[in-house]
N, C-alpha and C. Protein backbone atom coordinates (compact mmCIF):
# COMPACT_ATOMS: atom_id res chain seq x y z
N UNK A 1 21.04 -53.31 -21.23
CA UNK A 1 22.33 -52.93 -20.64
C UNK A 1 22.29 -51.44 -20.36
N UNK A 2 22.77 -51.08 -19.20
CA UNK A 2 22.79 -49.65 -18.85
C UNK A 2 24.22 -49.16 -18.64
N UNK A 3 24.34 -47.90 -18.25
CA UNK A 3 25.68 -47.30 -18.11
C UNK A 3 26.51 -48.00 -17.05
N UNK A 4 25.87 -48.43 -15.95
CA UNK A 4 26.62 -49.12 -14.92
C UNK A 4 27.20 -50.44 -15.42
N UNK A 5 26.41 -51.17 -16.22
CA UNK A 5 26.91 -52.42 -16.79
C UNK A 5 28.08 -52.15 -17.76
N UNK A 6 27.99 -51.12 -18.56
CA UNK A 6 29.07 -50.77 -19.47
C UNK A 6 30.35 -50.38 -18.72
N UNK A 7 30.18 -49.61 -17.63
CA UNK A 7 31.35 -49.23 -16.84
C UNK A 7 31.97 -50.43 -16.14
N UNK A 8 31.13 -51.39 -15.71
CA UNK A 8 31.65 -52.60 -15.08
C UNK A 8 32.48 -53.41 -16.08
N UNK A 9 31.98 -53.50 -17.29
CA UNK A 9 32.73 -54.25 -18.33
C UNK A 9 34.03 -53.51 -18.67
N UNK A 10 33.98 -52.19 -18.68
CA UNK A 10 35.20 -51.41 -18.94
C UNK A 10 36.24 -51.67 -17.86
N UNK A 11 35.80 -51.73 -16.62
CA UNK A 11 36.73 -51.99 -15.52
C UNK A 11 37.31 -53.40 -15.63
N UNK A 12 36.49 -54.35 -16.02
CA UNK A 12 36.95 -55.72 -16.21
C UNK A 12 38.00 -55.82 -17.32
N UNK A 13 37.76 -55.12 -18.41
CA UNK A 13 38.74 -55.08 -19.51
C UNK A 13 40.04 -54.42 -19.08
N UNK A 14 39.97 -53.36 -18.31
CA UNK A 14 41.16 -52.68 -17.81
C UNK A 14 41.96 -53.61 -16.88
N UNK A 15 41.24 -54.36 -16.06
CA UNK A 15 41.92 -55.30 -15.19
C UNK A 15 42.61 -56.40 -16.00
N UNK A 16 41.94 -56.87 -17.05
CA UNK A 16 42.54 -57.88 -17.91
C UNK A 16 43.76 -57.33 -18.62
N UNK A 17 43.78 -56.04 -18.94
CA UNK A 17 44.92 -55.44 -19.58
C UNK A 17 46.15 -55.48 -18.67
N UNK A 18 45.91 -55.28 -17.38
CA UNK A 18 47.03 -55.35 -16.43
C UNK A 18 47.58 -56.75 -16.28
N UNK A 19 46.72 -57.74 -16.50
CA UNK A 19 47.14 -59.15 -16.36
C UNK A 19 47.71 -59.73 -17.66
N UNK A 20 47.55 -59.02 -18.75
CA UNK A 20 47.95 -59.55 -20.05
C UNK A 20 49.46 -59.80 -20.09
N UNK A 21 49.80 -60.88 -20.80
CA UNK A 21 51.19 -61.27 -20.87
C UNK A 21 52.00 -60.44 -21.87
N UNK A 22 51.33 -59.89 -22.87
CA UNK A 22 52.06 -59.12 -23.89
C UNK A 22 51.44 -57.73 -24.03
N UNK A 23 52.21 -56.85 -24.58
CA UNK A 23 51.74 -55.48 -24.79
C UNK A 23 50.61 -55.41 -25.81
N UNK A 24 50.68 -56.30 -26.80
CA UNK A 24 49.65 -56.31 -27.85
C UNK A 24 48.31 -56.69 -27.26
N UNK A 25 48.27 -57.73 -26.42
CA UNK A 25 47.01 -58.15 -25.80
C UNK A 25 46.52 -57.05 -24.83
N UNK A 26 47.43 -56.47 -24.06
CA UNK A 26 47.03 -55.39 -23.15
C UNK A 26 46.43 -54.22 -23.91
N UNK A 27 47.02 -53.89 -25.04
CA UNK A 27 46.51 -52.82 -25.88
C UNK A 27 45.08 -53.09 -26.35
N UNK A 28 44.81 -54.33 -26.74
CA UNK A 28 43.46 -54.70 -27.20
C UNK A 28 42.44 -54.58 -26.05
N UNK A 29 42.83 -55.04 -24.87
CA UNK A 29 41.93 -54.92 -23.72
C UNK A 29 41.68 -53.44 -23.38
N UNK A 30 42.69 -52.62 -23.50
CA UNK A 30 42.49 -51.18 -23.22
C UNK A 30 41.59 -50.53 -24.26
N UNK A 31 41.69 -50.99 -25.51
CA UNK A 31 40.78 -50.47 -26.56
C UNK A 31 39.33 -50.88 -26.23
N UNK A 32 39.16 -52.12 -25.82
CA UNK A 32 37.82 -52.58 -25.45
C UNK A 32 37.26 -51.79 -24.26
N UNK A 33 38.14 -51.53 -23.29
CA UNK A 33 37.71 -50.74 -22.13
C UNK A 33 37.24 -49.33 -22.55
N UNK A 34 37.99 -48.75 -23.46
CA UNK A 34 37.61 -47.42 -23.94
C UNK A 34 36.28 -47.45 -24.67
N UNK A 35 36.05 -48.51 -25.45
CA UNK A 35 34.77 -48.64 -26.17
C UNK A 35 33.60 -48.81 -25.18
N UNK A 36 33.79 -49.59 -24.13
CA UNK A 36 32.74 -49.76 -23.13
C UNK A 36 32.47 -48.45 -22.41
N UNK A 37 33.53 -47.70 -22.11
CA UNK A 37 33.31 -46.40 -21.46
C UNK A 37 32.53 -45.44 -22.37
N UNK A 38 32.85 -45.47 -23.65
CA UNK A 38 32.15 -44.62 -24.62
C UNK A 38 30.68 -45.00 -24.71
N UNK A 39 30.39 -46.29 -24.66
CA UNK A 39 28.99 -46.73 -24.70
C UNK A 39 28.25 -46.30 -23.45
N UNK A 40 28.95 -46.33 -22.31
CA UNK A 40 28.31 -45.91 -21.05
C UNK A 40 27.94 -44.44 -21.12
N UNK A 41 28.80 -43.61 -21.67
CA UNK A 41 28.52 -42.18 -21.77
C UNK A 41 27.35 -41.94 -22.73
N UNK A 42 27.33 -42.65 -23.81
CA UNK A 42 26.19 -42.50 -24.78
C UNK A 42 24.88 -42.88 -24.12
N UNK A 43 24.88 -43.94 -23.36
CA UNK A 43 23.64 -44.38 -22.69
C UNK A 43 23.15 -43.31 -21.73
N UNK A 44 24.05 -42.70 -20.98
CA UNK A 44 23.68 -41.64 -20.04
C UNK A 44 23.17 -40.43 -20.81
N UNK A 45 23.87 -40.07 -21.90
CA UNK A 45 23.44 -38.91 -22.70
C UNK A 45 22.08 -39.14 -23.28
N UNK A 46 21.81 -40.31 -23.84
CA UNK A 46 20.52 -40.57 -24.43
C UNK A 46 19.40 -40.54 -23.41
N UNK A 47 19.70 -40.97 -22.20
CA UNK A 47 18.70 -40.90 -21.13
C UNK A 47 18.33 -39.47 -20.83
N UNK A 48 19.31 -38.59 -20.76
CA UNK A 48 19.05 -37.17 -20.49
C UNK A 48 18.31 -36.54 -21.67
N UNK A 49 18.74 -36.87 -22.88
CA UNK A 49 18.08 -36.28 -24.06
C UNK A 49 16.61 -36.74 -24.15
N UNK A 50 16.36 -37.98 -23.81
CA UNK A 50 15.00 -38.47 -23.85
C UNK A 50 14.12 -37.73 -22.86
N UNK A 51 14.67 -37.43 -21.69
CA UNK A 51 13.91 -36.68 -20.67
C UNK A 51 13.61 -35.28 -21.17
N UNK A 52 14.58 -34.64 -21.80
CA UNK A 52 14.38 -33.28 -22.28
C UNK A 52 13.40 -33.23 -23.44
N UNK A 53 13.31 -34.28 -24.22
CA UNK A 53 12.39 -34.29 -25.36
C UNK A 53 10.94 -34.28 -24.93
N UNK A 54 10.66 -34.65 -23.68
CA UNK A 54 9.30 -34.69 -23.19
C UNK A 54 8.80 -33.31 -22.72
N UNK A 55 9.69 -32.32 -22.68
CA UNK A 55 9.26 -31.00 -22.23
C UNK A 55 8.69 -30.21 -23.38
N UNK A 56 7.71 -29.34 -23.11
CA UNK A 56 7.12 -28.55 -24.19
C UNK A 56 8.11 -27.61 -24.88
N UNK A 57 9.12 -27.15 -24.15
CA UNK A 57 10.08 -26.22 -24.76
C UNK A 57 10.93 -26.94 -25.83
N UNK A 58 11.13 -28.24 -25.68
CA UNK A 58 11.94 -28.96 -26.64
C UNK A 58 11.26 -28.96 -28.01
N UNK A 59 9.95 -29.04 -28.04
CA UNK A 59 9.23 -29.04 -29.31
C UNK A 59 9.28 -27.67 -29.98
N UNK A 60 9.28 -26.61 -29.18
CA UNK A 60 9.30 -25.29 -29.78
C UNK A 60 10.67 -24.93 -30.33
N UNK A 61 11.71 -25.69 -29.93
CA UNK A 61 13.06 -25.42 -30.44
C UNK A 61 13.31 -26.04 -31.81
N UNK A 62 12.40 -26.87 -32.26
CA UNK A 62 12.56 -27.52 -33.57
C UNK A 62 12.15 -26.52 -34.64
N UNK A 63 13.04 -26.19 -35.56
CA UNK A 63 12.67 -25.22 -36.60
C UNK A 63 11.62 -25.78 -37.54
N UNK A 64 10.72 -24.93 -37.91
CA UNK A 64 9.65 -25.33 -38.85
C UNK A 64 10.03 -24.91 -40.25
N UNK A 65 9.61 -25.67 -41.25
CA UNK A 65 9.96 -25.28 -42.62
C UNK A 65 9.30 -23.96 -43.00
N UNK A 66 9.98 -23.20 -43.82
CA UNK A 66 9.42 -21.93 -44.30
C UNK A 66 8.33 -22.19 -45.33
N UNK A 67 7.29 -21.38 -45.33
CA UNK A 67 6.24 -21.55 -46.37
C UNK A 67 6.79 -21.26 -47.74
N UNK A 68 6.26 -21.96 -48.69
CA UNK A 68 6.71 -21.78 -50.07
C UNK A 68 5.87 -20.76 -50.81
């Protein structure tokens, strides 16, 4: 599952919230939509972080333990 899939599910949940018969059900669908959006952002962030980890500068930024 990628960010586009997560965003599509978030949109589906938001649409279901509009169709919900009660405020309680609508609230639950909106919570689900927010969770899907959060997962989409994390997926995008991890993709960028993974790309940066492959650069030589990323390894030099890791602190090394001090000698004892």
